[in-house]
Amino acid sequence: DALARQGFFDSSLVQNLESVEWSKKMRDSLHQALTLVNTGVSYWRLDDFENAVNYFEEGKSIYSLIGNMQYEGQIDDMLQNLARAMHQYRKAVNYGLAAVDKLKRFGNRALLAYAYNNVGLNYIHLNMYDSAKYYLEKSAAMLPPDSDILIPATNSLNMGFVYWKQENYDSLKVYADKALQFSRKHGMP
């Protein structure tokens, strides 16, 4: 929402909570699911992770009831990021694998690339580097290398991080250089 994008997370939370109540009274399931997820984002930005999870899960359950599996997958991807922020890496992997499973059914390769990348990042935190590489490679395969969205640079940095953790500095340099080239090509700082 506009308030959150401007950094007014407290105001955003108040607005989203009011919107949730309004959508419940109106019995508008789609709007209610959206506002629940937005409220979860507001709580997340305020570092209230437990409430964020609860609102994400409630929104996801409504999307499930109305049959919107793509949004369910996107919420699972957000939940894996949230679980990782809470240092719950195994839980993050479970959310991530659920996101991948749901997002595979749709044609949005960018969403799937992000989900795969996030699963790889979770495995890095678990020191499971072969699994991390597997999911990072799946992510990289989703998009052409000249894609103009952020995922190729992020993916290269994460793959470099794996090699750094394994003390393979030659491979680290290859991926760091790839990320730098992409960033420069697309005018990223």
Protein backbone atom coordinates (compact mmCIF):
# COMPACT_ATOMS: atom_id res chain seq x y z
CA ASP A 1 0.00 0.00 0.00
CA ALA A 2 1.02 3.61 -0.49
CA LEU A 3 1.74 4.31 3.18
CA ALA A 4 4.06 1.31 3.50
CA ARG A 5 5.93 2.27 0.32
CA GLN A 6 6.61 5.64 1.93
CA GLY A 7 7.87 4.00 5.13
CA PHE A 8 4.82 4.83 7.29
CA PHE A 9 4.44 1.30 8.60
CA ASP A 10 2.41 2.15 11.72
CA SER A 11 -0.11 4.12 9.65
CA SER A 12 -0.13 1.37 7.03
CA LEU A 13 -0.93 -1.19 9.71
CA VAL A 14 -3.85 0.87 11.05
CA GLN A 15 -5.24 1.33 7.54
CA ASN A 16 -4.86 -2.36 6.72
CA LEU A 17 -6.51 -3.49 9.96
CA GLU A 18 -9.48 -1.22 9.19
CA SER A 19 -9.62 -2.61 5.67
CA VAL A 20 -9.66 -6.18 7.00
CA GLU A 21 -12.64 -5.35 9.22
CA TRP A 22 -14.44 -3.61 6.37
CA SER A 23 -13.90 -6.53 3.98
CA LYS A 24 -15.20 -8.99 6.60
CA LYS A 25 -18.38 -6.93 7.01
CA MET A 26 -18.80 -6.73 3.25
CA ARG A 27 -18.12 -10.48 2.88
CA ASP A 28 -15.67 -9.75 0.08
CA SER A 29 -13.34 -12.76 0.21
CA LEU A 30 -10.90 -11.57 -2.43
CA HIS A 31 -10.47 -8.14 -0.84
CA GLN A 32 -10.25 -9.73 2.60
CA ALA A 33 -7.46 -12.07 1.48
CA LEU A 34 -5.54 -9.17 -0.06
CA THR A 35 -5.91 -6.96 3.01
CA LEU A 36 -4.89 -9.81 5.32
CA VAL A 37 -1.69 -10.26 3.31
CA ASN A 38 -1.06 -6.50 3.27
CA THR A 39 -1.57 -6.45 7.03
CA GLY A 40 0.96 -9.26 7.32
CA VAL A 41 3.43 -7.18 5.35
CA SER A 42 2.82 -4.23 7.69
CA TYR A 43 3.49 -6.40 10.73
CA TRP A 44 6.62 -7.80 9.06
CA ARG A 45 7.95 -4.30 8.41
CA LEU A 46 7.40 -3.57 12.10
CA ASP A 47 9.35 -6.75 13.00
CA ASP A 48 6.26 -8.36 14.51
CA PHE A 49 6.91 -11.69 12.86
CA GLU A 50 4.32 -13.76 14.70
CA ASN A 51 1.43 -11.50 13.67
CA ALA A 52 2.85 -11.34 10.15
CA VAL A 53 2.79 -15.14 9.87
CA ASN A 54 -0.76 -15.30 11.25
CA TYR A 55 -2.07 -12.75 8.74
CA PHE A 56 -0.24 -14.36 5.82
CA GLU A 57 -1.62 -17.78 6.75
CA GLU A 58 -5.16 -16.43 7.12
CA GLY A 59 -4.95 -14.70 3.74
CA LYS A 60 -3.51 -17.84 2.15
CA SER A 61 -6.37 -19.95 3.51
CA ILE A 62 -8.89 -17.65 1.82
CA TYR A 63 -7.01 -17.82 -1.47
CA SER A 64 -7.10 -21.59 -1.09
CA LEU A 65 -10.87 -21.56 -0.55
CA ILE A 66 -11.46 -19.45 -3.66
CA GLY A 67 -9.04 -21.59 -5.67
CA ASN A 68 -6.28 -19.08 -6.36
CA MET A 69 -3.24 -21.35 -6.16
CA GLN A 70 -0.90 -18.81 -7.74
CA TYR A 71 -1.46 -16.36 -4.86
CA GLU A 72 -1.11 -19.24 -2.41
CA GLY A 73 2.29 -19.93 -3.95
CA GLN A 74 3.30 -16.29 -3.76
CA ILE A 75 2.31 -16.17 -0.10
CA ASP A 76 4.29 -19.35 0.58
CA ASP A 77 7.26 -17.62 -1.02
CA MET A 78 6.75 -14.61 1.29
CA LEU A 79 6.41 -16.98 4.24
CA GLN A 80 9.71 -18.63 3.39
CA ASN A 81 11.38 -15.21 3.44
CA LEU A 82 9.70 -14.41 6.73
CA ALA A 83 10.72 -17.76 8.27
CA ARG A 84 14.30 -17.13 7.12
CA ALA A 85 14.20 -13.69 8.79
CA MET A 86 13.17 -15.54 11.96
CA HIS A 87 16.13 -17.96 11.51
CA GLN A 88 13.70 -20.86 11.05
CA TYR A 89 15.50 -22.24 8.01
CA ARG A 90 13.90 -25.69 7.85
CA LYS A 91 10.46 -24.13 8.08
CA ALA A 92 11.55 -21.69 5.38
CA VAL A 93 12.55 -24.61 3.13
CA ASN A 94 9.13 -26.22 3.66
CA TYR A 95 7.34 -23.00 2.72
CA GLY A 96 9.67 -22.61 -0.25
CA LEU A 97 9.06 -26.10 -1.57
CA ALA A 98 5.31 -25.53 -1.23
CA ALA A 99 5.70 -22.26 -3.16
CA VAL A 100 7.66 -23.98 -5.92
CA ASP A 101 5.10 -26.77 -6.16
CA LYS A 102 2.23 -24.31 -6.54
CA LEU A 103 4.02 -21.84 -8.81
CA LYS A 104 5.17 -24.56 -11.24
CA ARG A 105 1.56 -24.83 -12.38
CA PHE A 106 1.55 -21.30 -13.78
CA GLY A 107 3.47 -19.59 -16.54
CA ASN A 108 5.11 -16.89 -14.45
CA ARG A 109 8.77 -17.85 -14.71
CA ALA A 110 9.88 -14.81 -12.71
CA LEU A 111 7.85 -15.80 -9.63
CA LEU A 112 9.16 -19.35 -9.89
CA ALA A 113 12.74 -18.10 -10.31
CA TYR A 114 12.44 -16.05 -7.13
CA ALA A 115 10.95 -19.01 -5.22
CA TYR A 116 13.74 -21.34 -6.37
CA ASN A 117 16.34 -18.72 -5.48
CA ASN A 118 14.85 -18.28 -2.01
CA VAL A 119 14.87 -22.05 -1.40
CA GLY A 120 18.54 -22.06 -2.39
CA LEU A 121 19.25 -19.25 0.05
CA ASN A 122 17.52 -21.21 2.83
CA TYR A 123 19.72 -24.21 2.11
CA ILE A 124 22.80 -21.99 2.31
CA HIS A 125 21.77 -21.06 5.85
CA LEU A 126 21.43 -24.78 6.64
CA ASN A 127 24.97 -25.37 5.26
CA MET A 128 23.48 -27.76 2.69
CA TYR A 129 25.44 -26.45 -0.26
CA ASP A 130 24.63 -29.13 -2.85
CA SER A 131 20.92 -28.53 -2.29
CA ALA A 132 21.51 -24.78 -2.41
CA LYS A 133 23.31 -25.06 -5.76
CA TYR A 134 20.56 -27.28 -7.15
CA TYR A 135 17.84 -24.72 -6.41
CA LEU A 136 19.96 -21.76 -7.45
CA GLU A 137 20.65 -23.48 -10.77
CA LYS A 138 16.91 -24.13 -11.20
CA SER A 139 16.34 -20.43 -10.55
CA ALA A 140 18.95 -19.39 -13.09
CA ALA A 141 17.38 -21.67 -15.70
CA MET A 142 14.00 -19.93 -15.37
CA LEU A 143 15.05 -16.68 -17.05
CA PRO A 144 17.33 -15.70 -19.90
CA PRO A 145 20.63 -14.17 -18.72
CA ASP A 146 19.71 -10.82 -20.29
CA SER A 147 16.53 -10.56 -18.22
CA ASP A 148 16.08 -7.08 -16.80
CA ILE A 149 14.63 -8.10 -13.45
CA LEU A 150 16.76 -8.40 -10.34
CA ILE A 151 16.81 -12.18 -10.01
CA PRO A 152 19.87 -12.92 -12.22
CA ALA A 153 22.07 -10.63 -10.10
CA THR A 154 20.63 -11.95 -6.84
CA ASN A 155 21.02 -15.51 -8.02
CA SER A 156 24.66 -14.95 -8.99
CA LEU A 157 25.40 -13.36 -5.62
CA ASN A 158 23.80 -16.28 -3.80
CA MET A 159 25.73 -18.81 -5.88
CA GLY A 160 28.90 -16.85 -5.10
CA PHE A 161 27.96 -17.00 -1.42
CA VAL A 162 27.84 -20.81 -1.64
CA TYR A 163 31.33 -20.89 -3.11
CA TRP A 164 32.57 -18.43 -0.50
CA LYS A 165 31.21 -20.68 2.27
CA GLN A 166 33.02 -23.59 0.59
CA GLU A 167 36.21 -21.51 0.32
CA ASN A 168 36.22 -21.91 -3.47
CA TYR A 169 37.31 -18.38 -4.26
CA ASP A 170 37.87 -18.88 -8.00
CA SER A 171 34.23 -19.88 -8.49
CA LEU A 172 33.14 -17.10 -6.13
CA LYS A 173 34.87 -14.57 -8.39
CA VAL A 174 33.06 -15.89 -11.48
CA TYR A 175 29.64 -15.37 -9.88
CA ALA A 176 30.54 -12.05 -8.27
CA ASP A 177 31.72 -10.78 -11.67
CA LYS A 178 28.48 -11.99 -13.27
CA ALA A 179 26.41 -10.10 -10.70
CA LEU A 180 28.54 -6.96 -11.16
CA GLN A 181 28.19 -7.07 -14.96
CA PHE A 182 24.43 -7.46 -14.70
CA SER A 183 24.18 -4.62 -12.21
CA ARG A 184 26.22 -2.28 -14.35
CA LYS A 185 24.32 -3.21 -17.52
CA HIS A 186 21.00 -2.35 -15.88
CA GLY A 187 22.18 0.75 -14.01
CA MET A 188 21.88 -0.74 -10.55
CA PRO A 189 24.01 0.73 -7.74
